[in-house]
Amino acid sequence: MSYHIQDYSALDGGPLEYSNGMQLPNYSNGIALVEEYSLLQSILVDGGTHFGVSTVCFDSFEELLWMGNQGGHMTSYSSAELHKYTSFQVHVSNEVRAIVPHDAGMLSLTSNSLRMSARRGLPIFSHCSEQIQNMQCMVLTPTGNLLMGGHHKNLIELDLNTLEEINVVQVNSDNCAILRKHPRFICSGDINGKVTLHDPNTLSVEHTIDCHTGMLSDFDVHGNQLVTCGFSARRGELSVDQFLKVYDLRVMKSMSPIPMMFPPLLLRFVPAYSSRLCVVSQCMKSFMDIRLVSRRIISAADELCEVMNDLEQLSEINNIKRIYEDRLNVTAIYSEQLKEAPSRGVMLS
């Protein structure tokens, strides 16, 4: 089954027609767009009979998909058929909690150790310290260092060349479960429902956004948009927020949430599109493709810039029009003189 998506502004609302005649419900604050994605391949990973998959990562330097499982094993797969390329152990027992590709190798993080391995499986280095305990996530900074966080108050910055922990910063919350990279910020999310925006150079806190009253499940950031999903605390219990929260990073304000047809658990921006999200639910095994395109998501400064550009273009058009009218007037004067010239005996130069 295939769907055809029309051009649509998410916050303006409006029905959406599909090629098979189906329509989704129209929400006043947004609409979720479903598009068919064909299944290319599904395999049982190495150790899948005993351990579950704990993390996956696309290699940004090679055409490989990397998997880490709960038994400390990593495997890479190539092509759309998921042919096994390499498979090796990175820890005796601890699960692989995060994988980050690097041009020198693959970085894998467990609860108490960091390891870089060549893509063929050979170890390059391992790093352990008193600070690296109960780790959860990591991301490369713009300077090429590695920033790691976990279920504690510390953000640890590691120099990958010297393997020295050059900076340790305490976060406002008790933990850091998710790290995302943005051109302006390093974004960290805790399980208490908050997303903190850090300066990428000093790691100082720039902004803190209270996204969910219960727990943060996942978030992603792209361009000027921050999108989150999570849980709310109601009557002492956690309940899933069946919508996505959207924030404009230019003005640090929330926008209209996007209702979902199922409880969202994970989300990612689609790299090939600047305003599309993939949202996944665990209980229903559902998958949705969301478009966040809107002609209204612009700040007052952007509106002013657009008005100024329009005025400049209008001024240029008026100048061209004035020059054209002057030329027409000159042409009309010469035409009148040419008509009168034979009767007067006047020769025009």
C-alpha atoms as a PDB file:
ATOM      1  CA  MET A   1       0.000   0.000   0.000  1.00  0.00           C
ATOM      2  CA  SER A   2       1.352   3.424  -0.869  1.00  0.00           C
ATOM      3  CA  TYR A   3       0.226   6.909   0.099  1.00  0.00           C
ATOM      4  CA  HIS A   4       0.574  10.231  -1.640  1.00  0.00           C
ATOM      5  CA  ILE A   5       1.300  13.198   0.620  1.00  0.00           C
ATOM      6  CA  GLN A   6       0.139  16.638  -0.460  1.00  0.00           C
ATOM      7  CA  ASP A   7       1.848  19.885   0.484  1.00  0.00           C
ATOM      8  CA  TYR A   8       0.546  20.749   3.940  1.00  0.00           C
ATOM      9  CA  SER A   9       1.196  23.261   6.670  1.00  0.00           C
ATOM     10  CA  ALA A  10       1.041  21.387   9.957  1.00  0.00           C
ATOM     11  CA  LEU A  11      -0.094  24.174  12.259  1.00  0.00           C
ATOM     12  CA  ASP A  12      -2.590  25.634   9.801  1.00  0.00           C
ATOM     13  CA  GLY A  13      -4.706  22.450   9.816  1.00  0.00           C
ATOM     14  CA  GLY A  14      -6.699  21.031   6.934  1.00  0.00           C
ATOM     15  CA  PRO A  15      -7.577  17.647   5.468  1.00  0.00           C
ATOM     16  CA  LEU A  16      -5.050  15.594   3.601  1.00  0.00           C
ATOM     17  CA  GLU A  17      -6.012  13.474   0.623  1.00  0.00           C
ATOM     18  CA  TYR A  18      -4.194  10.250  -0.172  1.00  0.00           C
ATOM     19  CA  SER A  19      -3.877   8.434  -3.459  1.00  0.00           C
ATOM     20  CA  ASN A  20      -6.078   5.609  -2.200  1.00  0.00           C
ATOM     21  CA  GLY A  21      -8.828   7.978  -1.108  1.00  0.00           C
ATOM     22  CA  MET A  22      -8.177   7.609   2.635  1.00  0.00           C
ATOM     23  CA  GLN A  23      -8.064  10.579   4.970  1.00  0.00           C
ATOM     24  CA  LEU A  24      -6.698  11.081   8.446  1.00  0.00           C
ATOM     25  CA  PRO A  25      -8.624  12.982  11.131  1.00  0.00           C
ATOM     26  CA  ASN A  26      -8.127  16.718  11.050  1.00  0.00           C
ATOM     27  CA  TYR A  27      -6.667  18.140  14.251  1.00  0.00           C
ATOM     28  CA  SER A  28      -6.920  21.817  15.050  1.00  0.00           C
ATOM     29  CA  ASN A  29      -3.287  22.056  16.139  1.00  0.00           C
ATOM     30  CA  GLY A  30      -1.658  19.649  13.728  1.00  0.00           C
ATOM     31  CA  ILE A  31      -1.999  16.414  11.844  1.00  0.00           C
ATOM     32  CA  ALA A  32      -0.025  13.187  11.722  1.00  0.00           C
ATOM     33  CA  LEU A  33       0.866  11.940   8.283  1.00  0.00           C
ATOM     34  CA  VAL A  34       1.136   8.229   7.686  1.00  0.00           C
ATOM     35  CA  GLU A  35       3.298   7.029   4.861  1.00  0.00           C
ATOM     36  CA  GLU A  36       3.995   3.453   3.898  1.00  0.00           C
ATOM     37  CA  TYR A  37       7.554   2.263   4.469  1.00  0.00           C
ATOM     38  CA  SER A  38       8.373  -1.106   2.955  1.00  0.00           C
ATOM     39  CA  LEU A  39      10.255  -3.654   5.052  1.00  0.00           C
ATOM     40  CA  LEU A  40      13.581  -4.426   3.406  1.00  0.00           C
ATOM     41  CA  GLN A  41      15.013  -6.972   5.829  1.00  0.00           C
ATOM     42  CA  SER A  42      14.504  -8.401   9.303  1.00  0.00           C
ATOM     43  CA  ILE A  43      17.050 -10.679  10.960  1.00  0.00           C
ATOM     44  CA  LEU A  44      17.851 -12.252  14.297  1.00  0.00           C
ATOM     45  CA  VAL A  45      20.950 -10.459  15.570  1.00  0.00           C
ATOM     46  CA  ASP A  46      23.982 -12.167  17.078  1.00  0.00           C
ATOM     47  CA  GLY A  47      23.085 -13.362  20.553  1.00  0.00           C
ATOM     48  CA  GLY A  48      19.426 -12.559  19.940  1.00  0.00           C
ATOM     49  CA  THR A  49      18.291 -15.816  21.509  1.00  0.00           C
ATOM     50  CA  HIS A  50      19.786 -14.786  24.869  1.00  0.00           C
ATOM     51  CA  PHE A  51      20.165 -10.975  24.826  1.00  0.00           C
ATOM     52  CA  GLY A  52      18.031  -8.138  23.531  1.00  0.00           C
ATOM     53  CA  VAL A  53      19.212  -5.247  21.383  1.00  0.00           C
ATOM     54  CA  SER A  54      20.180  -2.318  23.606  1.00  0.00           C
ATOM     55  CA  THR A  55      21.254   0.268  20.992  1.00  0.00           C
ATOM     56  CA  VAL A  56      21.615   0.755  17.231  1.00  0.00           C
ATOM     57  CA  CYS A  57      23.582   3.303  15.242  1.00  0.00           C
ATOM     58  CA  PHE A  58      24.188   4.119  11.580  1.00  0.00           C
ATOM     59  CA  ASP A  59      27.842   4.554  10.663  1.00  0.00           C
ATOM     60  CA  SER A  60      28.377   8.028   9.212  1.00  0.00           C
ATOM     61  CA  PHE A  61      31.708   7.014   7.624  1.00  0.00           C
ATOM     62  CA  GLU A  62      30.894   3.581   6.172  1.00  0.00           C
ATOM     63  CA  GLU A  63      27.706   1.989   4.856  1.00  0.00           C
ATOM     64  CA  LEU A  64      27.190  -0.036   8.018  1.00  0.00           C
ATOM     65  CA  LEU A  65      24.505  -0.442  10.662  1.00  0.00           C
ATOM     66  CA  TRP A  66      25.839  -1.142  14.154  1.00  0.00           C
ATOM     67  CA  MET A  67      24.065  -3.023  16.933  1.00  0.00           C
ATOM     68  CA  GLY A  68      24.923  -3.442  20.596  1.00  0.00           C
ATOM     69  CA  ASN A  69      23.152  -5.935  22.831  1.00  0.00           C
ATOM     70  CA  GLN A  70      22.603  -6.485  26.530  1.00  0.00           C
ATOM     71  CA  GLY A  71      25.433  -9.022  26.690  1.00  0.00           C
ATOM     72  CA  GLY A  72      28.194  -6.538  25.745  1.00  0.00           C
ATOM     73  CA  HIS A  73      28.405  -7.649  22.087  1.00  0.00           C
ATOM     74  CA  MET A  74      28.616  -5.455  18.969  1.00  0.00           C
ATOM     75  CA  THR A  75      27.781  -6.444  15.403  1.00  0.00           C
ATOM     76  CA  SER A  76      27.852  -4.499  12.142  1.00  0.00           C
ATOM     77  CA  TYR A  77      25.679  -5.158   9.096  1.00  0.00           C
ATOM     78  CA  SER A  78      26.138  -3.981   5.528  1.00  0.00           C
ATOM     79  CA  SER A  79      23.715  -3.248   2.642  1.00  0.00           C
ATOM     80  CA  ALA A  80      19.932  -3.364   2.747  1.00  0.00           C
ATOM     81  CA  GLU A  81      20.071  -7.169   3.127  1.00  0.00           C
ATOM     82  CA  LEU A  82      21.888  -6.726   6.488  1.00  0.00           C
ATOM     83  CA  HIS A  83      24.811  -9.002   5.721  1.00  0.00           C
ATOM     84  CA  LYS A  84      26.965  -9.444   8.815  1.00  0.00           C
ATOM     85  CA  TYR A  85      30.259  -7.595   8.451  1.00  0.00           C
ATOM     86  CA  THR A  86      31.930  -7.842  11.877  1.00  0.00           C
ATOM     87  CA  SER A  87      30.958  -9.185  15.299  1.00  0.00           C
ATOM     88  CA  PHE A  88      32.970  -8.862  18.497  1.00  0.00           C
ATOM     89  CA  GLN A  89      32.705  -8.552  22.277  1.00  0.00           C
ATOM     90  CA  VAL A  90      33.331  -5.159  23.891  1.00  0.00           C
ATOM     91  CA  HIS A  91      32.554  -6.123  27.512  1.00  0.00           C
ATOM     92  CA  VAL A  92      32.315  -9.385  29.377  1.00  0.00           C
ATOM     93  CA  SER A  93      28.853  -8.804  30.854  1.00  0.00           C
ATOM     94  CA  ASN A  94      27.690  -5.162  30.770  1.00  0.00           C
ATOM     95  CA  GLU A  95      25.262  -4.072  28.065  1.00  0.00           C
ATOM     96  CA  VAL A  96      26.290  -1.651  25.329  1.00  0.00           C
ATOM     97  CA  ARG A  97      24.349   1.529  26.100  1.00  0.00           C
ATOM     98  CA  ALA A  98      25.552   3.850  23.334  1.00  0.00           C
ATOM     99  CA  ILE A  99      27.494   3.712  20.072  1.00  0.00           C
ATOM    100  CA  VAL A 100      29.062   6.737  18.349  1.00  0.00           C
ATOM    101  CA  PRO A 101      30.883   6.509  14.977  1.00  0.00           C
ATOM    102  CA  HIS A 102      34.303   8.147  14.644  1.00  0.00           C
ATOM    103  CA  ASP A 103      36.641   8.316  11.692  1.00  0.00           C
ATOM    104  CA  ALA A 104      39.240   6.326  13.661  1.00  0.00           C
ATOM    105  CA  GLY A 105      36.805   3.648  14.841  1.00  0.00           C
ATOM    106  CA  MET A 106      33.598   2.940  16.723  1.00  0.00           C
ATOM    107  CA  LEU A 107      33.070   4.250  20.256  1.00  0.00           C
ATOM    108  CA  SER A 108      31.012   2.011  22.546  1.00  0.00           C
ATOM    109  CA  LEU A 109      29.864   2.943  26.040  1.00  0.00           C
ATOM    110  CA  THR A 110      28.890   0.543  28.813  1.00  0.00           C
ATOM    111  CA  SER A 111      27.869   1.418  32.355  1.00  0.00           C
ATOM    112  CA  ASN A 112      31.467   1.736  33.599  1.00  0.00           C
ATOM    113  CA  SER A 113      33.788   1.750  30.561  1.00  0.00           C
ATOM    114  CA  LEU A 114      34.436   3.380  27.201  1.00  0.00           C
ATOM    115  CA  ARG A 115      36.053   1.526  24.324  1.00  0.00           C
ATOM    116  CA  MET A 116      37.099   2.426  20.793  1.00  0.00           C
ATOM    117  CA  SER A 117      37.286  -0.467  18.347  1.00  0.00           C
ATOM    118  CA  ALA A 118      38.379  -0.622  14.742  1.00  0.00           C
ATOM    119  CA  ARG A 119      35.547  -1.466  12.382  1.00  0.00           C
ATOM    120  CA  ARG A 120      37.046  -4.933  11.966  1.00  0.00           C
ATOM    121  CA  GLY A 121      36.804  -5.507  15.714  1.00  0.00           C
ATOM    122  CA  LEU A 122      40.349  -4.878  16.935  1.00  0.00           C
ATOM    123  CA  PRO A 123      40.472  -2.797  20.141  1.00  0.00           C
ATOM    124  CA  ILE A 124      42.126   0.615  19.900  1.00  0.00           C
ATOM    125  CA  PHE A 125      41.767   1.781  23.503  1.00  0.00           C
ATOM    126  CA  SER A 126      39.672   1.329  26.633  1.00  0.00           C
ATOM    127  CA  HIS A 127      39.045   3.974  29.257  1.00  0.00           C
ATOM    128  CA  CYS A 128      37.815   3.616  32.829  1.00  0.00           C
ATOM    129  CA  SER A 129      37.884   6.003  35.783  1.00  0.00           C
ATOM    130  CA  GLU A 130      36.175   6.827  39.056  1.00  0.00           C
ATOM    131  CA  GLN A 131      33.939   9.323  37.249  1.00  0.00           C
ATOM    132  CA  ILE A 132      32.726   6.812  34.655  1.00  0.00           C
ATOM    133  CA  GLN A 133      30.092   4.953  36.629  1.00  0.00           C
ATOM    134  CA  ASN A 134      26.528   4.131  35.590  1.00  0.00           C
ATOM    135  CA  MET A 135      26.949   5.854  32.234  1.00  0.00           C
ATOM    136  CA  GLN A 136      24.124   6.090  29.721  1.00  0.00           C
ATOM    137  CA  CYS A 137      24.820   8.357  26.716  1.00  0.00           C
ATOM    138  CA  MET A 138      27.538  10.180  24.803  1.00  0.00           C
ATOM    139  CA  VAL A 139      27.972  12.623  21.916  1.00  0.00           C
ATOM    140  CA  LEU A 140      30.874  14.213  20.039  1.00  0.00           C
ATOM    141  CA  THR A 141      31.344  17.940  20.664  1.00  0.00           C
ATOM    142  CA  PRO A 142      32.189  20.480  17.907  1.00  0.00           C
ATOM    143  CA  THR A 143      35.825  20.460  19.112  1.00  0.00           C
ATOM    144  CA  GLY A 144      36.129  16.691  18.552  1.00  0.00           C
ATOM    145  CA  ASN A 145      36.012  15.732  22.220  1.00  0.00           C
ATOM    146  CA  LEU A 146      33.597  13.180  23.645  1.00  0.00           C
ATOM    147  CA  LEU A 147      30.895  14.243  26.091  1.00  0.00           C
ATOM    148  CA  MET A 148      29.411  11.508  28.296  1.00  0.00           C
ATOM    149  CA  GLY A 149      26.494  11.500  30.716  1.00  0.00           C
ATOM    150  CA  GLY A 150      24.718   9.006  32.928  1.00  0.00           C
ATOM    151  CA  HIS A 151      22.585   8.472  35.995  1.00  0.00           C
ATOM    152  CA  HIS A 152      24.482  10.993  38.088  1.00  0.00           C
ATOM    153  CA  LYS A 153      25.086  14.731  38.153  1.00  0.00           C
ATOM    154  CA  ASN A 154      28.273  14.830  36.059  1.00  0.00           C
ATOM    155  CA  LEU A 155      28.852  15.540  32.386  1.00  0.00           C
ATOM    156  CA  ILE A 156      32.336  14.275  31.507  1.00  0.00           C
ATOM    157  CA  GLU A 157      34.305  15.705  28.574  1.00  0.00           C
ATOM    158  CA  LEU A 158      37.058  13.396  27.334  1.00  0.00           C
ATOM    159  CA  ASP A 159      39.902  14.318  25.000  1.00  0.00           C
ATOM    160  CA  LEU A 160      40.095  11.395  22.564  1.00  0.00           C
ATOM    161  CA  ASN A 161      43.713  12.158  21.674  1.00  0.00           C
ATOM    162  CA  THR A 162      45.172  12.161  25.187  1.00  0.00           C
ATOM    163  CA  LEU A 163      42.380  10.159  26.908  1.00  0.00           C
ATOM    164  CA  GLU A 164      42.242  12.806  29.634  1.00  0.00           C
ATOM    165  CA  GLU A 165      39.007  13.962  31.255  1.00  0.00           C
ATOM    166  CA  ILE A 166      39.510  17.655  30.626  1.00  0.00           C
ATOM    167  CA  ASN A 167      36.195  18.890  32.010  1.00  0.00           C
ATOM    168  CA  VAL A 168      33.577  17.650  34.470  1.00  0.00           C
ATOM    169  CA  VAL A 169      30.391  19.714  34.699  1.00  0.00           C
ATOM    170  CA  GLN A 170      27.510  19.141  37.055  1.00  0.00           C
ATOM    171  CA  VAL A 171      24.011  19.189  35.584  1.00  0.00           C
ATOM    172  CA  ASN A 172      21.022  20.740  37.308  1.00  0.00           C
ATOM    173  CA  SER A 173      19.158  17.434  37.603  1.00  0.00           C
ATOM    174  CA  ASP A 174      20.199  14.134  39.120  1.00  0.00           C
ATOM    175  CA  ASN A 175      20.928  12.427  35.796  1.00  0.00           C
ATOM    176  CA  CYS A 176      21.501  12.769  32.063  1.00  0.00           C
ATOM    177  CA  ALA A 177      19.780  10.077  30.035  1.00  0.00           C
ATOM    178  CA  ILE A 178      19.911  11.569  26.494  1.00  0.00           C
ATOM    179  CA  LEU A 179      22.438  13.766  24.695  1.00  0.00           C
ATOM    180  CA  ARG A 180      21.805  15.448  21.331  1.00  0.00           C
ATOM    181  CA  LYS A 181      24.017  17.744  19.273  1.00  0.00           C
ATOM    182  CA  HIS A 182      22.835  21.045  17.796  1.00  0.00           C
ATOM    183  CA  PRO A 183      24.821  23.800  16.015  1.00  0.00           C
ATOM    184  CA  ARG A 184      24.065  26.214  18.879  1.00  0.00           C
ATOM    185  CA  PHE A 185      23.736  23.884  21.871  1.00  0.00           C
ATOM    186  CA  ILE A 186      24.544  20.567  23.445  1.00  0.00           C
ATOM    187  CA  CYS A 187      21.124  19.287  24.506  1.00  0.00           C
ATOM    188  CA  SER A 188      20.750  16.984  27.503  1.00  0.00           C
ATOM    189  CA  GLY A 189      17.583  15.334  28.738  1.00  0.00           C
ATOM    190  CA  ASP A 190      16.909  13.799  32.140  1.00  0.00           C
ATOM    191  CA  ILE A 191      14.337  11.234  33.174  1.00  0.00           C
ATOM    192  CA  ASN A 192      12.453  13.880  35.179  1.00  0.00           C
ATOM    193  CA  GLY A 193      11.091  15.459  31.981  1.00  0.00           C
ATOM    194  CA  LYS A 194      13.506  18.369  31.490  1.00  0.00           C
ATOM    195  CA  VAL A 195      15.711  19.280  28.521  1.00  0.00           C
ATOM    196  CA  THR A 196      18.746  21.471  29.232  1.00  0.00           C
ATOM    197  CA  LEU A 197      20.570  23.467  26.563  1.00  0.00           C
ATOM    198  CA  HIS A 198      24.313  23.865  27.160  1.00  0.00           C
ATOM    199  CA  ASP A 199      26.872  26.101  25.520  1.00  0.00           C
ATOM    200  CA  PRO A 200      28.928  23.782  23.257  1.00  0.00           C
ATOM    201  CA  ASN A 201      32.229  25.402  24.282  1.00  0.00           C
ATOM    202  CA  THR A 202      31.884  25.913  28.033  1.00  0.00           C
ATOM    203  CA  LEU A 203      29.019  23.455  28.733  1.00  0.00           C
ATOM    204  CA  SER A 204      27.371  26.147  30.858  1.00  0.00           C
ATOM    205  CA  VAL A 205      23.582  26.029  31.066  1.00  0.00           C
ATOM    206  CA  GLU A 206      21.883  28.414  28.637  1.00  0.00           C
ATOM    207  CA  HIS A 207      18.239  27.356  28.970  1.00  0.00           C
ATOM    208  CA  THR A 208      16.174  24.724  30.773  1.00  0.00           C
ATOM    209  CA  ILE A 209      12.826  23.570  29.361  1.00  0.00           C
ATOM    210  CA  ASP A 210      10.257  21.681  31.456  1.00  0.00           C
ATOM    211  CA  CYS A 211       8.813  19.375  28.822  1.00  0.00           C
ATOM    212  CA  HIS A 212       6.911  16.692  30.751  1.00  0.00           C
ATOM    213  CA  THR A 213       5.729  16.593  34.355  1.00  0.00           C
ATOM    214  CA  GLY A 214       6.517  12.889  34.768  1.00  0.00           C
ATOM    215  CA  MET A 215       9.321  11.453  32.661  1.00  0.00           C
ATOM    216  CA  LEU A 216      11.096  12.186  29.386  1.00  0.00           C
ATOM    217  CA  SER A 217      10.986   9.293  26.949  1.00  0.00           C
ATOM    218  CA  ASP A 218      12.868  10.742  23.966  1.00  0.00           C
ATOM    219  CA  PHE A 219      13.591  13.999  22.171  1.00  0.00           C
ATOM    220  CA  ASP A 220      15.307  15.221  19.046  1.00  0.00           C
ATOM    221  CA  VAL A 221      16.394  18.600  17.758  1.00  0.00           C
ATOM    222  CA  HIS A 222      16.796  19.909  14.221  1.00  0.00           C
ATOM    223  CA  GLY A 223      17.118  23.464  12.976  1.00  0.00           C
ATOM    224  CA  ASN A 224      14.970  25.651  15.217  1.00  0.00           C
ATOM    225  CA  GLN A 225      12.701  22.888  16.481  1.00  0.00           C
ATOM    226  CA  LEU A 226      12.894  20.716  19.582  1.00  0.00           C
ATOM    227  CA  VAL A 227      10.377  17.858  19.744  1.00  0.00           C
ATOM    228  CA  THR A 228       9.818  15.653  22.803  1.00  0.00           C
ATOM    229  CA  CYS A 229       7.656  12.755  23.953  1.00  0.00           C
ATOM    230  CA  GLY A 230       7.219  11.453  27.473  1.00  0.00           C
ATOM    231  CA  PHE A 231       4.964  10.879  30.465  1.00  0.00           C
ATOM    232  CA  SER A 232       2.898  12.999  32.832  1.00  0.00           C
ATOM    233  CA  ALA A 233       2.414  12.493  36.563  1.00  0.00           C
ATOM    234  CA  ARG A 234      -1.285  12.152  37.317  1.00  0.00           C
ATOM    235  CA  ARG A 235      -2.606  11.148  40.741  1.00  0.00           C
ATOM    236  CA  GLY A 236       0.753   9.724  41.704  1.00  0.00           C
ATOM    237  CA  GLU A 237       1.066   7.565  38.577  1.00  0.00           C
ATOM    238  CA  LEU A 238       2.791   7.969  35.228  1.00  0.00           C
ATOM    239  CA  SER A 239       0.611   8.152  32.126  1.00  0.00           C
ATOM    240  CA  VAL A 240       1.800   8.459  28.541  1.00  0.00           C
ATOM    241  CA  ASP A 241       1.384  11.841  26.886  1.00  0.00           C
ATOM    242  CA  GLN A 242      -0.337  10.916  23.631  1.00  0.00           C
ATOM    243  CA  PHE A 243       1.071  13.912  21.815  1.00  0.00           C
ATOM    244  CA  LEU A 244       4.406  15.418  20.824  1.00  0.00           C
ATOM    245  CA  LYS A 245       5.572  18.659  22.366  1.00  0.00           C
ATOM    246  CA  VAL A 246       7.225  21.153  20.012  1.00  0.00           C
ATOM    247  CA  TYR A 247       9.452  24.086  21.020  1.00  0.00           C
ATOM    248  CA  ASP A 248      10.851  26.959  18.961  1.00  0.00           C
ATOM    249  CA  LEU A 249      14.511  27.396  19.930  1.00  0.00           C
ATOM    250  CA  ARG A 250      14.632  30.928  18.504  1.00  0.00           C
ATOM    251  CA  VAL A 251      12.284  32.317  21.121  1.00  0.00           C
ATOM    252  CA  MET A 252      12.425  29.398  23.609  1.00  0.00           C
ATOM    253  CA  LYS A 253       8.669  29.009  23.652  1.00  0.00           C
ATOM    254  CA  SER A 254       6.393  26.021  23.260  1.00  0.00           C
ATOM    255  CA  MET A 255       4.203  25.644  20.204  1.00  0.00           C
ATOM    256  CA  SER A 256       0.981  23.740  19.698  1.00  0.00           C
ATOM    257  CA  PRO A 257       1.453  20.034  20.531  1.00  0.00           C
ATOM    258  CA  ILE A 258       0.867  17.400  17.871  1.00  0.00           C
ATOM    259  CA  PRO A 259      -1.756  14.783  18.799  1.00  0.00           C
ATOM    260  CA  MET A 260      -0.813  11.164  18.104  1.00  0.00           C
ATOM    261  CA  MET A 261      -2.927   8.144  17.251  1.00  0.00           C
ATOM    262  CA  PHE A 262      -0.831   5.982  19.590  1.00  0.00           C
ATOM    263  CA  PRO A 263       1.395   6.558  22.645  1.00  0.00           C
ATOM    264  CA  PRO A 264       4.793   7.726  21.300  1.00  0.00           C
ATOM    265  CA  LEU A 265       7.956   6.226  22.757  1.00  0.00           C
ATOM    266  CA  LEU A 266      10.821   7.095  20.377  1.00  0.00           C
ATOM    267  CA  LEU A 267      11.234   9.812  17.768  1.00  0.00           C
ATOM    268  CA  ARG A 268      13.857  11.025  15.311  1.00  0.00           C
ATOM    269  CA  PHE A 269      14.052  13.663  12.624  1.00  0.00           C
ATOM    270  CA  VAL A 270      14.458  12.118   9.161  1.00  0.00           C
ATOM    271  CA  PRO A 271      17.877  13.248   7.848  1.00  0.00           C
ATOM    272  CA  ALA A 272      16.704  13.466   4.228  1.00  0.00           C
ATOM    273  CA  TYR A 273      13.985  15.980   5.155  1.00  0.00           C
ATOM    274  CA  SER A 274      14.292  19.112   7.245  1.00  0.00           C
ATOM    275  CA  SER A 275      10.855  18.907   8.841  1.00  0.00           C
ATOM    276  CA  ARG A 276       9.889  15.239   9.099  1.00  0.00           C
ATOM    277  CA  LEU A 277       9.774  13.040  12.169  1.00  0.00           C
ATOM    278  CA  CYS A 278       9.623   9.285  12.568  1.00  0.00           C
ATOM    279  CA  VAL A 279       7.677   8.309  15.688  1.00  0.00           C
ATOM    280  CA  VAL A 280       7.559   4.775  17.074  1.00  0.00           C
ATOM    281  CA  SER A 281       5.323   3.187  19.696  1.00  0.00           C
ATOM    282  CA  GLN A 282       6.383   0.124  21.647  1.00  0.00           C
ATOM    283  CA  CYS A 283       3.043  -1.362  22.688  1.00  0.00           C
ATOM    284  CA  MET A 284       1.332  -1.134  19.285  1.00  0.00           C
ATOM    285  CA  LYS A 285       4.448  -1.600  17.135  1.00  0.00           C
ATOM    286  CA  SER A 286       3.282   1.405  15.171  1.00  0.00           C
ATOM    287  CA  PHE A 287       5.278   3.756  12.983  1.00  0.00           C
ATOM    288  CA  MET A 288       4.311   7.228  11.852  1.00  0.00           C
ATOM    289  CA  ASP A 289       5.816   9.876   9.639  1.00  0.00           C
ATOM    290  CA  ILE A 290       5.099  13.411  10.854  1.00  0.00           C
ATOM    291  CA  ARG A 291       5.586  16.620   8.915  1.00  0.00           C
ATOM    292  CA  LEU A 292       6.289  19.780  10.890  1.00  0.00           C
ATOM    293  CA  VAL A 293       6.155  22.210   7.971  1.00  0.00           C
ATOM    294  CA  SER A 294       4.409  25.459   8.768  1.00  0.00           C
ATOM    295  CA  ARG A 295       4.293  28.875   7.186  1.00  0.00           C
ATOM    296  CA  ARG A 296       3.429  30.305  10.586  1.00  0.00           C
ATOM    297  CA  ILE A 297       6.461  29.103  12.564  1.00  0.00           C
ATOM    298  CA  ILE A 298       8.441  32.302  12.201  1.00  0.00           C
ATOM    299  CA  SER A 299       9.443  34.813  14.824  1.00  0.00           C
ATOM    300  CA  ALA A 300       8.756  38.534  14.760  1.00  0.00           C
ATOM    301  CA  ALA A 301      12.324  39.165  13.640  1.00  0.00           C
ATOM    302  CA  ASP A 302      11.888  36.855  10.666  1.00  0.00           C
ATOM    303  CA  GLU A 303       8.630  38.578   9.774  1.00  0.00           C
ATOM    304  CA  LEU A 304      10.366  41.964   9.935  1.00  0.00           C
ATOM    305  CA  CYS A 305      13.186  40.675   7.702  1.00  0.00           C
ATOM    306  CA  GLU A 306      10.666  39.390   5.203  1.00  0.00           C
ATOM    307  CA  VAL A 307       8.834  42.736   5.204  1.00  0.00           C
ATOM    308  CA  MET A 308      12.121  44.605   4.689  1.00  0.00           C
ATOM    309  CA  ASN A 309      13.048  42.307   1.813  1.00  0.00           C
ATOM    310  CA  ASP A 310       9.646  42.865   0.243  1.00  0.00           C
ATOM    311  CA  LEU A 311      10.050  46.631   0.604  1.00  0.00           C
ATOM    312  CA  GLU A 312      13.485  46.514  -0.997  1.00  0.00           C
ATOM    313  CA  GLN A 313      12.156  44.449  -3.881  1.00  0.00           C
ATOM    314  CA  LEU A 314       9.215  46.849  -4.241  1.00  0.00           C
ATOM    315  CA  SER A 315      11.596  49.817  -4.232  1.00  0.00           C
ATOM    316  CA  GLU A 316      13.688  48.210  -6.981  1.00  0.00           C
ATOM    317  CA  ILE A 317      10.555  47.524  -9.008  1.00  0.00           C
ATOM    318  CA  ASN A 318       9.420  51.142  -8.609  1.00  0.00           C
ATOM    319  CA  ASN A 319      12.847  52.405  -9.741  1.00  0.00           C
ATOM    320  CA  ILE A 320      12.746  50.195 -12.819  1.00  0.00           C
ATOM    321  CA  LYS A 321       9.193  51.334 -13.521  1.00  0.00           C
ATOM    322  CA  ARG A 322      10.227  55.009 -13.193  1.00  0.00           C
ATOM    323  CA  ILE A 323      13.157  54.550 -15.589  1.00  0.00           C
ATOM    324  CA  TYR A 324      10.889  52.767 -18.062  1.00  0.00           C
ATOM    325  CA  GLU A 325       8.294  55.590 -17.891  1.00  0.00           C
ATOM    326  CA  ASP A 326      11.026  58.222 -18.427  1.00  0.00           C
ATOM    327  CA  ARG A 327      12.212  56.372 -21.511  1.00  0.00           C
ATOM    328  CA  LEU A 328       8.649  56.229 -22.820  1.00  0.00           C
ATOM    329  CA  ASN A 329       8.288  59.997 -22.332  1.00  0.00           C
ATOM    330  CA  VAL A 330      11.564  60.663 -24.174  1.00  0.00           C
ATOM    331  CA  THR A 331      10.456  58.380 -27.022  1.00  0.00           C
ATOM    332  CA  ALA A 332       7.121  60.215 -27.276  1.00  0.00           C
ATOM    333  CA  ILE A 333       8.886  63.625 -27.469  1.00  0.00           C
ATOM    334  CA  TYR A 334      11.157  62.444 -30.295  1.00  0.00           C
ATOM    335  CA  SER A 335       8.160  61.040 -32.150  1.00  0.00           C
ATOM    336  CA  GLU A 336       6.372  64.393 -32.004  1.00  0.00           C
ATOM    337  CA  GLN A 337       9.466  66.199 -33.265  1.00  0.00           C
ATOM    338  CA  LEU A 338       9.839  63.766 -36.166  1.00  0.00           C
ATOM    339  CA  LYS A 339       6.245  64.392 -37.201  1.00  0.00           C
ATOM    340  CA  GLU A 340       6.686  68.182 -37.173  1.00  0.00           C
ATOM    341  CA  ALA A 341      10.135  68.213 -38.823  1.00  0.00           C
ATOM    342  CA  PRO A 342       9.105  68.003 -42.577  1.00  0.00           C
ATOM    343  CA  SER A 343       6.553  70.838 -42.309  1.00  0.00           C
ATOM    344  CA  ARG A 344       8.971  73.214 -40.582  1.00  0.00           C
ATOM    345  CA  GLY A 345      12.030  72.209 -42.524  1.00  0.00           C
ATOM    346  CA  VAL A 346      13.801  71.402 -39.316  1.00  0.00           C
ATOM    347  CA  MET A 347      16.487  68.713 -39.227  1.00  0.00           C
ATOM    348  CA  LEU A 348      16.925  66.899 -35.982  1.00  0.00           C
ATOM    349  CA  SER A 349      20.431  66.069 -34.866  1.00  0.00           C
END
